[in-house]
PDB file of N, CA and C in Angstrom:
ATOM      1  N   MET A   1    -118.338 118.191  57.975  1.00  0.00           N
ATOM      2  CA  MET A   1    -118.212 118.979  56.825  1.00  0.00           C
ATOM      3  C   MET A   1    -119.088 120.293  57.019  1.00  0.00           C
ATOM      4  N   ASP A   2    -118.475 121.421  56.640  1.00  0.00           N
ATOM      5  CA  ASP A   2    -119.209 122.636  56.859  1.00  0.00           C
ATOM      6  C   ASP A   2    -120.112 122.855  55.656  1.00  0.00           C
ATOM      7  N   GLU A   3    -121.048 123.781  55.801  1.00  0.00           N
ATOM      8  CA  GLU A   3    -122.073 124.105  54.795  1.00  0.00           C
ATOM      9  C   GLU A   3    -121.442 124.446  53.463  1.00  0.00           C
ATOM     10  N   GLU A   4    -120.438 125.266  53.548  1.00  0.00           N
ATOM     11  CA  GLU A   4    -119.778 125.791  52.250  1.00  0.00           C
ATOM     12  C   GLU A   4    -119.152 124.634  51.467  1.00  0.00           C
ATOM     13  N   THR A   5    -118.551 123.728  52.217  1.00  0.00           N
ATOM     14  CA  THR A   5    -117.908 122.581  51.495  1.00  0.00           C
ATOM     15  C   THR A   5    -118.962 121.663  50.939  1.00  0.00           C
ATOM     16  N   ALA A   6    -120.042 121.424  51.743  1.00  0.00           N
ATOM     17  CA  ALA A   6    -121.101 120.586  51.253  1.00  0.00           C
ATOM     18  C   ALA A   6    -121.748 121.123  49.973  1.00  0.00           C
ATOM     19  N   ALA A   7    -121.937 122.470  50.013  1.00  0.00           N
ATOM     20  CA  ALA A   7    -122.565 123.141  48.871  1.00  0.00           C
ATOM     21  C   ALA A   7    -121.638 123.038  47.607  1.00  0.00           C
ATOM     22  N   ALA A   8    -120.282 123.167  47.854  1.00  0.00           N
ATOM     23  CA  ALA A   8    -119.343 123.081  46.735  1.00  0.00           C
ATOM     24  C   ALA A   8    -119.376 121.701  46.172  1.00  0.00           C
ATOM     25  N   ILE A   9    -119.433 120.625  47.040  1.00  0.00           N
ATOM     26  CA  ILE A   9    -119.429 119.307  46.538  1.00  0.00           C
ATOM     27  C   ILE A   9    -120.806 119.018  45.763  1.00  0.00           C
ATOM     28  N   ALA A  10    -121.872 119.443  46.306  1.00  0.00           N
ATOM     29  CA  ALA A  10    -123.192 119.309  45.684  1.00  0.00           C
ATOM     30  C   ALA A  10    -123.130 119.990  44.304  1.00  0.00           C
ATOM     31  N   ALA A  11    -122.517 121.132  44.166  1.00  0.00           N
ATOM     32  CA  ALA A  11    -122.490 121.872  42.859  1.00  0.00           C
ATOM     33  C   ALA A  11    -121.615 121.094  41.845  1.00  0.00           C
ATOM     34  N   LEU A  12    -120.478 120.503  42.391  1.00  0.00           N
ATOM     35  CA  LEU A  12    -119.632 119.670  41.474  1.00  0.00           C
ATOM     36  C   LEU A  12    -120.378 118.444  41.018  1.00  0.00           C
ATOM     37  N   ASN A  13    -121.153 117.846  41.929  1.00  0.00           N
ATOM     38  CA  ASN A  13    -121.922 116.649  41.523  1.00  0.00           C
ATOM     39  C   ASN A  13    -122.959 116.999  40.451  1.00  0.00           C
ATOM     40  N   ALA A  14    -123.627 118.083  40.734  1.00  0.00           N
ATOM     41  CA  ALA A  14    -124.675 118.549  39.711  1.00  0.00           C
ATOM     42  C   ALA A  14    -124.031 118.815  38.384  1.00  0.00           C
ATOM     43  N   GLU A  15    -122.865 119.474  38.358  1.00  0.00           N
ATOM     44  CA  GLU A  15    -122.225 119.783  37.147  1.00  0.00           C
ATOM     45  C   GLU A  15    -121.817 118.604  36.406  1.00  0.00           C
ATOM     46  N   TYR A  16    -121.282 117.621  37.083  1.00  0.00           N
ATOM     47  CA  TYR A  16    -120.901 116.334  36.566  1.00  0.00           C
ATOM     48  C   TYR A  16    -122.127 115.586  35.899  1.00  0.00           C
ATOM     49  N   GLY A  17    -123.249 115.592  36.663  1.00  0.00           N
ATOM     50  CA  GLY A  17    -124.492 114.980  36.180  1.00  0.00           C
ATOM     51  C   GLY A  17    -125.019 115.655  34.953  1.00  0.00           C
ATOM     52  N   ALA A  18    -124.833 116.963  34.859  1.00  0.00           N
ATOM     53  CA  ALA A  18    -125.319 117.686  33.681  1.00  0.00           C
ATOM     54  C   ALA A  18    -124.465 117.357  32.464  1.00  0.00           C
ATOM     55  N   ARG A  19    -123.192 116.924  32.623  1.00  0.00           N
ATOM     56  CA  ARG A  19    -122.312 116.564  31.514  1.00  0.00           C
ATOM     57  C   ARG A  19    -122.428 115.147  31.149  1.00  0.00           C
ATOM     58  N   LEU A  20    -123.229 114.340  31.805  1.00  0.00           N
ATOM     59  CA  LEU A  20    -123.406 112.873  31.482  1.00  0.00           C
ATOM     60  C   LEU A  20    -123.927 112.677  30.096  1.00  0.00           C
ATOM     61  N   PRO A  21    -124.926 113.441  29.635  1.00  0.00           N
ATOM     62  CA  PRO A  21    -125.345 113.241  28.244  1.00  0.00           C
ATOM     63  C   PRO A  21    -124.243 113.355  27.241  1.00  0.00           C
ATOM     64  N   GLU A  22    -123.412 114.336  27.395  1.00  0.00           N
ATOM     65  CA  GLU A  22    -122.262 114.554  26.516  1.00  0.00           C
ATOM     66  C   GLU A  22    -121.220 113.443  26.563  1.00  0.00           C
ATOM     67  N   LYS A  23    -120.966 113.004  27.744  1.00  0.00           N
ATOM     68  CA  LYS A  23    -120.059 111.829  27.947  1.00  0.00           C
ATOM     69  C   LYS A  23    -120.646 110.650  27.213  1.00  0.00           C
ATOM     70  N   TYR A  24    -121.857 110.370  27.413  1.00  0.00           N
ATOM     71  CA  TYR A  24    -122.579 109.215  26.755  1.00  0.00           C
ATOM     72  C   TYR A  24    -122.454 109.310  25.217  1.00  0.00           C
ATOM     73  N   ARG A  25    -122.708 110.481  24.692  1.00  0.00           N
ATOM     74  CA  ARG A  25    -122.671 110.721  23.209  1.00  0.00           C
ATOM     75  C   ARG A  25    -121.264 110.379  22.730  1.00  0.00           C
ATOM     76  N   GLU A  26    -120.229 110.859  23.412  1.00  0.00           N
ATOM     77  CA  GLU A  26    -118.900 110.631  22.967  1.00  0.00           C
ATOM     78  C   GLU A  26    -118.605 109.119  22.948  1.00  0.00           C
ATOM     79  N   LEU A  27    -119.110 108.434  24.031  1.00  0.00           N
ATOM     80  CA  LEU A  27    -118.878 106.953  24.113  1.00  0.00           C
ATOM     81  C   LEU A  27    -119.669 106.209  23.039  1.00  0.00           C
ATOM     82  N   ALA A  28    -120.857 106.628  22.802  1.00  0.00           N
ATOM     83  CA  ALA A  28    -121.675 106.038  21.890  1.00  0.00           C
ATOM     84  C   ALA A  28    -121.112 106.153  20.462  1.00  0.00           C
ATOM     85  N   ASN A  29    -120.596 107.351  20.169  1.00  0.00           N
ATOM     86  CA  ASN A  29    -119.959 107.639  18.848  1.00  0.00           C
ATOM     87  C   ASN A  29    -118.697 106.833  18.653  1.00  0.00           C
ATOM     88  N   ALA A  30    -117.898 106.726  19.711  1.00  0.00           N
ATOM     89  CA  ALA A  30    -116.600 105.907  19.559  1.00  0.00           C
ATOM     90  C   ALA A  30    -116.990 104.454  19.417  1.00  0.00           C
ATOM     91  N   THR A  31    -117.974 103.995  20.129  1.00  0.00           N
ATOM     92  CA  THR A  31    -118.380 102.592  19.994  1.00  0.00           C
ATOM     93  C   THR A  31    -118.925 102.295  18.573  1.00  0.00           C
ATOM     94  N   ALA A  32    -119.732 103.241  18.039  1.00  0.00           N
ATOM     95  CA  ALA A  32    -120.244 103.071  16.722  1.00  0.00           C
ATOM     96  C   ALA A  32    -119.005 103.034  15.704  1.00  0.00           C
ATOM     97  N   ARG A  33    -118.073 103.869  15.837  1.00  0.00           N
ATOM     98  CA  ARG A  33    -116.998 103.849  14.918  1.00  0.00           C
ATOM     99  C   ARG A  33    -116.089 102.527  15.124  1.00  0.00           C
ATOM    100  N   ALA A  34    -116.052 102.050  16.311  1.00  0.00           N
ATOM    101  CA  ALA A  34    -115.411 100.787  16.546  1.00  0.00           C
ATOM    102  C   ALA A  34    -116.097  99.651  15.939  1.00  0.00           C
ATOM    103  N   GLN A  35    -117.352  99.652  15.941  1.00  0.00           N
ATOM    104  CA  GLN A  35    -118.163  98.645  15.285  1.00  0.00           C
ATOM    105  C   GLN A  35    -117.954  98.616  13.812  1.00  0.00           C
ATOM    106  N   GLN A  36    -117.618  99.719  13.284  1.00  0.00           N
ATOM    107  CA  GLN A  36    -117.391  99.790  11.796  1.00  0.00           C
ATOM    108  C   GLN A  36    -115.960  99.416  11.493  1.00  0.00           C
ATOM    109  N   GLY A  37    -115.121  98.997  12.462  1.00  0.00           N
ATOM    110  CA  GLY A  37    -113.840  98.453  12.284  1.00  0.00           C
ATOM    111  C   GLY A  37    -112.683  99.318  12.532  1.00  0.00           C
ATOM    112  N   SER A  38    -112.857 100.392  13.201  1.00  0.00           N
ATOM    113  CA  SER A  38    -111.709 101.305  13.595  1.00  0.00           C
ATOM    114  C   SER A  38    -111.075 100.835  14.915  1.00  0.00           C
ATOM    115  N   PRO A  39    -109.849 100.385  14.883  1.00  0.00           N
ATOM    116  CA  PRO A  39    -109.170  99.903  16.104  1.00  0.00           C
ATOM    117  C   PRO A  39    -108.884 101.152  17.047  1.00  0.00           C
ATOM    118  N   GLN A  40    -108.604 102.273  16.381  1.00  0.00           N
ATOM    119  CA  GLN A  40    -108.446 103.519  17.232  1.00  0.00           C
ATOM    120  C   GLN A  40    -109.692 103.861  18.046  1.00  0.00           C
ATOM    121  N   ALA A  41    -110.875 103.738  17.354  1.00  0.00           N
ATOM    122  CA  ALA A  41    -112.147 104.049  18.033  1.00  0.00           C
ATOM    123  C   ALA A  41    -112.458 103.093  19.157  1.00  0.00           C
ATOM    124  N   LEU A  42    -112.090 101.782  18.941  1.00  0.00           N
ATOM    125  CA  LEU A  42    -112.215 100.803  19.949  1.00  0.00           C
ATOM    126  C   LEU A  42    -111.456 101.173  21.273  1.00  0.00           C
ATOM    127  N   GLU A  43    -110.147 101.533  21.034  1.00  0.00           N
ATOM    128  CA  GLU A  43    -109.329 102.064  22.098  1.00  0.00           C
ATOM    129  C   GLU A  43    -109.934 103.263  22.759  1.00  0.00           C
ATOM    130  N   GLU A  44    -110.425 104.191  21.937  1.00  0.00           N
ATOM    131  CA  GLU A  44    -111.088 105.381  22.442  1.00  0.00           C
ATOM    132  C   GLU A  44    -112.285 105.039  23.388  1.00  0.00           C
ATOM    133  N   ALA A  45    -113.097 104.151  22.859  1.00  0.00           N
ATOM    134  CA  ALA A  45    -114.291 103.670  23.542  1.00  0.00           C
ATOM    135  C   ALA A  45    -113.944 103.004  24.906  1.00  0.00           C
ATOM    136  N   LEU A  46    -112.896 102.156  24.844  1.00  0.00           N
ATOM    137  CA  LEU A  46    -112.466 101.572  26.083  1.00  0.00           C
ATOM    138  C   LEU A  46    -111.920 102.616  27.111  1.00  0.00           C
ATOM    139  N   LYS A  47    -111.196 103.585  26.650  1.00  0.00           N
ATOM    140  CA  LYS A  47    -110.717 104.707  27.551  1.00  0.00           C
ATOM    141  C   LYS A  47    -111.937 105.480  28.077  1.00  0.00           C
ATOM    142  N   LEU A  48    -112.891 105.862  27.236  1.00  0.00           N
ATOM    143  CA  LEU A  48    -114.000 106.619  27.714  1.00  0.00           C
ATOM    144  C   LEU A  48    -114.856 105.757  28.707  1.00  0.00           C
ATOM    145  N   ALA A  49    -115.036 104.527  28.443  1.00  0.00           N
ATOM    146  CA  ALA A  49    -115.831 103.705  29.338  1.00  0.00           C
ATOM    147  C   ALA A  49    -115.111 103.589  30.727  1.00  0.00           C
ATOM    148  N   HIS A  50    -113.858 103.322  30.635  1.00  0.00           N
ATOM    149  CA  HIS A  50    -113.014 103.213  31.864  1.00  0.00           C
ATOM    150  C   HIS A  50    -113.050 104.497  32.677  1.00  0.00           C
ATOM    151  N   THR A  51    -112.911 105.649  32.022  1.00  0.00           N
ATOM    152  CA  THR A  51    -112.975 106.922  32.634  1.00  0.00           C
ATOM    153  C   THR A  51    -114.348 107.254  33.277  1.00  0.00           C
ATOM    154  N   LEU A  52    -115.408 106.917  32.549  1.00  0.00           N
ATOM    155  CA  LEU A  52    -116.755 107.128  33.007  1.00  0.00           C
ATOM    156  C   LEU A  52    -116.982 106.179  34.279  1.00  0.00           C
ATOM    157  N   HIS A  53    -116.501 104.942  34.221  1.00  0.00           N
ATOM    158  CA  HIS A  53    -116.690 104.026  35.310  1.00  0.00           C
ATOM    159  C   HIS A  53    -116.067 104.664  36.562  1.00  0.00           C
ATOM    160  N   GLY A  54    -114.892 105.213  36.512  1.00  0.00           N
ATOM    161  CA  GLY A  54    -114.182 105.688  37.654  1.00  0.00           C
ATOM    162  C   GLY A  54    -114.762 107.088  38.120  1.00  0.00           C
ATOM    163  N   THR A  55    -115.015 107.990  37.228  1.00  0.00           N
ATOM    164  CA  THR A  55    -115.443 109.308  37.658  1.00  0.00           C
ATOM    165  C   THR A  55    -116.941 109.282  38.028  1.00  0.00           C
ATOM    166  N   ALA A  56    -117.774 108.535  37.389  1.00  0.00           N
ATOM    167  CA  ALA A  56    -119.157 108.433  37.825  1.00  0.00           C
ATOM    168  C   ALA A  56    -119.214 107.872  39.299  1.00  0.00           C
ATOM    169  N   GLY A  57    -118.423 106.952  39.567  1.00  0.00           N
ATOM    170  CA  GLY A  57    -118.410 106.393  40.937  1.00  0.00           C
ATOM    171  C   GLY A  57    -117.915 107.430  41.938  1.00  0.00           C
ATOM    172  N   ALA A  58    -116.932 108.149  41.571  1.00  0.00           N
ATOM    173  CA  ALA A  58    -116.353 109.154  42.454  1.00  0.00           C
ATOM    174  C   ALA A  58    -117.289 110.280  42.734  1.00  0.00           C
ATOM    175  N   TYR A  59    -118.222 110.582  41.760  1.00  0.00           N
ATOM    176  CA  TYR A  59    -119.202 111.616  41.959  1.00  0.00           C
ATOM    177  C   TYR A  59    -120.511 111.093  42.453  1.00  0.00           C
ATOM    178  N   GLY A  60    -120.566 109.805  42.831  1.00  0.00           N
ATOM    179  CA  GLY A  60    -121.766 109.288  43.446  1.00  0.00           C
ATOM    180  C   GLY A  60    -122.794 108.764  42.539  1.00  0.00           C
ATOM    181  N   PHE A  61    -122.452 108.573  41.295  1.00  0.00           N
ATOM    182  CA  PHE A  61    -123.380 108.016  40.266  1.00  0.00           C
ATOM    183  C   PHE A  61    -123.101 106.476  40.136  1.00  0.00           C
ATOM    184  N   ALA A  62    -123.450 105.695  41.220  1.00  0.00           N
ATOM    185  CA  ALA A  62    -123.082 104.330  41.271  1.00  0.00           C
ATOM    186  C   ALA A  62    -123.631 103.477  40.152  1.00  0.00           C
ATOM    187  N   GLN A  63    -124.831 103.683  39.739  1.00  0.00           N
ATOM    188  CA  GLN A  63    -125.491 102.919  38.642  1.00  0.00           C
ATOM    189  C   GLN A  63    -124.786 103.297  37.331  1.00  0.00           C
ATOM    190  N   VAL A  64    -124.559 104.420  37.132  1.00  0.00           N
ATOM    191  CA  VAL A  64    -123.827 104.867  35.884  1.00  0.00           C
ATOM    192  C   VAL A  64    -122.442 104.189  35.907  1.00  0.00           C
ATOM    193  N   SER A  65    -121.781 104.210  36.943  1.00  0.00           N
ATOM    194  CA  SER A  65    -120.380 103.625  37.162  1.00  0.00           C
ATOM    195  C   SER A  65    -120.461 102.199  36.797  1.00  0.00           C
ATOM    196  N   SER A  66    -121.435 101.440  37.417  1.00  0.00           N
ATOM    197  CA  SER A  66    -121.547 100.051  37.194  1.00  0.00           C
ATOM    198  C   SER A  66    -121.845  99.622  35.780  1.00  0.00           C
ATOM    199  N   ALA A  67    -122.753 100.432  35.232  1.00  0.00           N
ATOM    200  CA  ALA A  67    -123.133 100.196  33.749  1.00  0.00           C
ATOM    201  C   ALA A  67    -121.861 100.539  32.828  1.00  0.00           C
ATOM    202  N   ALA A  68    -121.101 101.513  33.162  1.00  0.00           N
ATOM    203  CA  ALA A  68    -119.893 101.837  32.462  1.00  0.00           C
ATOM    204  C   ALA A  68    -118.887 100.654  32.611  1.00  0.00           C
ATOM    205  N   ALA A  69    -118.757 100.099  33.819  1.00  0.00           N
ATOM    206  CA  ALA A  69    -117.930  98.979  33.981  1.00  0.00           C
ATOM    207  C   ALA A  69    -118.272  97.763  33.190  1.00  0.00           C
ATOM    208  N   ARG A  70    -119.544  97.533  33.032  1.00  0.00           N
ATOM    209  CA  ARG A  70    -120.010  96.371  32.225  1.00  0.00           C
ATOM    210  C   ARG A  70    -119.739  96.691  30.666  1.00  0.00           C
ATOM    211  N   LEU A  71    -119.821  97.931  30.323  1.00  0.00           N
ATOM    212  CA  LEU A  71    -119.569  98.256  28.915  1.00  0.00           C
ATOM    213  C   LEU A  71    -117.967  98.089  28.706  1.00  0.00           C
ATOM    214  N   GLU A  72    -117.268  98.576  29.617  1.00  0.00           N
ATOM    215  CA  GLU A  72    -115.767  98.425  29.495  1.00  0.00           C
ATOM    216  C   GLU A  72    -115.376  96.954  29.371  1.00  0.00           C
ATOM    217  N   ALA A  73    -116.019  96.118  30.198  1.00  0.00           N
ATOM    218  CA  ALA A  73    -115.757  94.703  30.126  1.00  0.00           C
ATOM    219  C   ALA A  73    -116.172  94.064  28.863  1.00  0.00           C
ATOM    220  N   ALA A  74    -117.274  94.468  28.286  1.00  0.00           N
ATOM    221  CA  ALA A  74    -117.796  94.002  27.045  1.00  0.00           C
ATOM    222  C   ALA A  74    -116.822  94.459  25.837  1.00  0.00           C
ATOM    223  N   LEU A  75    -116.349  95.617  25.902  1.00  0.00           N
ATOM    224  CA  LEU A  75    -115.404  96.081  24.928  1.00  0.00           C
ATOM    225  C   LEU A  75    -114.057  95.411  25.017  1.00  0.00           C
ATOM    226  N   ARG A  76    -113.658  95.143  26.140  1.00  0.00           N
ATOM    227  CA  ARG A  76    -112.390  94.368  26.367  1.00  0.00           C
ATOM    228  C   ARG A  76    -112.581  92.941  25.850  1.00  0.00           C
ATOM    229  N   GLN A  77    -113.707  92.334  26.109  1.00  0.00           N
ATOM    230  CA  GLN A  77    -113.885  90.941  25.552  1.00  0.00           C
ATOM    231  C   GLN A  77    -113.950  90.934  24.046  1.00  0.00           C
ATOM    232  N   PHE A  78    -114.559  91.974  23.479  1.00  0.00           N
ATOM    233  CA  PHE A  78    -114.657  92.044  22.035  1.00  0.00           C
ATOM    234  C   PHE A  78    -113.229  92.221  21.450  1.00  0.00           C
ATOM    235  N   ARG A  79    -112.433  93.064  22.128  1.00  0.00           N
ATOM    236  CA  ARG A  79    -111.031  93.292  21.650  1.00  0.00           C
ATOM    237  C   ARG A  79    -110.208  92.074  21.628  1.00  0.00           C
ATOM    238  N   THR A  80    -110.476  91.153  22.631  1.00  0.00           N
ATOM    239  CA  THR A  80    -109.692  89.950  22.716  1.00  0.00           C
ATOM    240  C   THR A  80    -110.269  88.858  21.874  1.00  0.00           C
ATOM    241  N   GLY A  81    -111.390  89.044  21.248  1.00  0.00           N
ATOM    242  CA  GLY A  81    -112.070  88.016  20.473  1.00  0.00           C
ATOM    243  C   GLY A  81    -113.044  87.079  21.251  1.00  0.00           C
ATOM    244  N   ALA A  82    -113.160  87.335  22.548  1.00  0.00           N
ATOM    245  CA  ALA A  82    -114.001  86.535  23.455  1.00  0.00           C
ATOM    246  C   ALA A  82    -115.409  86.995  23.460  1.00  0.00           C
ATOM    247  N   GLY A  83    -115.671  88.272  22.978  1.00  0.00           N
ATOM    248  CA  GLY A  83    -117.013  88.818  23.075  1.00  0.00           C
ATOM    249  C   GLY A  83    -117.491  89.166  21.696  1.00  0.00           C
ATOM    250  N   ASN A  84    -118.668  89.762  21.664  1.00  0.00           N
ATOM    251  CA  ASN A  84    -119.385  90.111  20.394  1.00  0.00           C
ATOM    252  C   ASN A  84    -119.991  91.427  20.525  1.00  0.00           C
ATOM    253  N   TRP A  85    -120.456  92.017  19.379  1.00  0.00           N
ATOM    254  CA  TRP A  85    -121.114  93.312  19.449  1.00  0.00           C
ATOM    255  C   TRP A  85    -122.469  93.310  20.155  1.00  0.00           C
ATOM    256  N   ASP A  86    -123.126  92.103  20.196  1.00  0.00           N
ATOM    257  CA  ASP A  86    -124.448  92.063  20.928  1.00  0.00           C
ATOM    258  C   ASP A  86    -124.130  92.440  22.391  1.00  0.00           C
ATOM    259  N   GLY A  87    -123.149  91.929  22.984  1.00  0.00           N
ATOM    260  CA  GLY A  87    -122.773  92.255  24.363  1.00  0.00           C
ATOM    261  C   GLY A  87    -122.371  93.712  24.560  1.00  0.00           C
ATOM    262  N   VAL A  88    -121.706  94.228  23.600  1.00  0.00           N
ATOM    263  CA  VAL A  88    -121.335  95.674  23.689  1.00  0.00           C
ATOM    264  C   VAL A  88    -122.627  96.535  23.551  1.00  0.00           C
ATOM    265  N   GLN A  89    -123.458  96.205  22.626  1.00  0.00           N
ATOM    266  CA  GLN A  89    -124.699  96.960  22.370  1.00  0.00           C
ATOM    267  C   GLN A  89    -125.646  96.880  23.623  1.00  0.00           C
ATOM    268  N   THR A  90    -125.709  95.654  24.134  1.00  0.00           N
ATOM    269  CA  THR A  90    -126.562  95.516  25.445  1.00  0.00           C
ATOM    270  C   THR A  90    -126.035  96.358  26.510  1.00  0.00           C
ATOM    271  N   ALA A  91    -124.796  96.470  26.707  1.00  0.00           N
ATOM    272  CA  ALA A  91    -124.143  97.263  27.792  1.00  0.00           C
ATOM    273  C   ALA A  91    -124.377  98.713  27.495  1.00  0.00           C
ATOM    274  N   LEU A  92    -124.208  99.162  26.223  1.00  0.00           N
ATOM    275  CA  LEU A  92    -124.309 100.506  25.850  1.00  0.00           C
ATOM    276  C   LEU A  92    -125.819 100.958  26.056  1.00  0.00           C
ATOM    277  N   GLN A  93    -126.735 100.059  25.714  1.00  0.00           N
ATOM    278  CA  GLN A  93    -128.162 100.421  25.936  1.00  0.00           C
ATOM    279  C   GLN A  93    -128.560 100.455  27.383  1.00  0.00           C
ATOM    280  N   GLU A  94    -127.881  99.673  28.205  1.00  0.00           N
ATOM    281  CA  GLU A  94    -128.203  99.727  29.661  1.00  0.00           C
ATOM    282  C   GLU A  94    -127.595 101.124  30.160  1.00  0.00           C
ATOM    283  N   LEU A  95    -126.402 101.484  29.749  1.00  0.00           N
ATOM    284  CA  LEU A  95    -125.898 102.745  30.213  1.00  0.00           C
ATOM    285  C   LEU A  95    -126.797 103.885  29.735  1.00  0.00           C
ATOM    286  N   SER A  96    -127.348 103.831  28.522  1.00  0.00           N
ATOM    287  CA  SER A  96    -128.201 104.875  28.061  1.00  0.00           C
ATOM    288  C   SER A  96    -129.482 104.999  28.844  1.00  0.00           C
ATOM    289  N   HIS A  97    -130.096 103.802  29.207  1.00  0.00           N
ATOM    290  CA  HIS A  97    -131.243 103.804  30.058  1.00  0.00           C
ATOM    291  C   HIS A  97    -131.014 104.423  31.358  1.00  0.00           C
ATOM    292  N   ILE A  98    -129.905 104.042  32.063  1.00  0.00           N
ATOM    293  CA  ILE A  98    -129.590 104.640  33.274  1.00  0.00           C
ATOM    294  C   ILE A  98    -129.350 106.149  33.220  1.00  0.00           C
ATOM    295  N   ARG A  99    -128.559 106.550  32.174  1.00  0.00           N
ATOM    296  CA  ARG A  99    -128.239 107.913  31.978  1.00  0.00           C
ATOM    297  C   ARG A  99    -129.390 108.730  31.774  1.00  0.00           C
ATOM    298  N   ASN A 100    -130.394 108.243  30.963  1.00  0.00           N
ATOM    299  CA  ASN A 100    -131.590 109.011  30.614  1.00  0.00           C
ATOM    300  C   ASN A 100    -132.412 109.133  31.934  1.00  0.00           C
ATOM    301  N   GLY A 101    -132.323 108.246  32.871  1.00  0.00           N
ATOM    302  CA  GLY A 101    -133.071 108.349  34.098  1.00  0.00           C
ATOM    303  C   GLY A 101    -132.306 109.152  35.093  1.00  0.00           C
ATOM    304  N   ASN A 102    -130.974 109.475  34.758  1.00  0.00           N
ATOM    305  CA  ASN A 102    -130.096 110.235  35.686  1.00  0.00           C
ATOM    306  C   ASN A 102    -130.017 109.564  36.987  1.00  0.00           C
ATOM    307  N   LYS A 103    -129.875 108.340  37.073  1.00  0.00           N
ATOM    308  CA  LYS A 103    -129.860 107.580  38.275  1.00  0.00           C
ATOM    309  C   LYS A 103    -128.480 107.623  38.885  1.00  0.00           C
ATOM    310  N   ARG A 104    -128.446 107.671  40.131  1.00  0.00           N
ATOM    311  CA  ARG A 104    -127.208 107.668  40.834  1.00  0.00           C
ATOM    312  C   ARG A 104    -126.963 106.181  41.239  1.00  0.00           C
TER     313      ARG A 104
END
């Protein structure tokens, strides 16, 4: 890989990392609305968690991706009646902790 390409990839990764707090806020807000009983918000939270899982991994944020995957799984379990909000909240808190540390 040449230097120009490497620099472009590094810039994209940095830009993605800078947007993580916004992505987390959107996800936390959707999750809070889902907890209040909104089925649409639950679907939105699932979509956001799924997207974060995939994109964070693609940009090299492996810990964020893994935490988003656990949140997605907890939300899916809740949707099917097999999970509870404690599991969702634990997964969301883990994601917040990792995001605040900006860990890859």
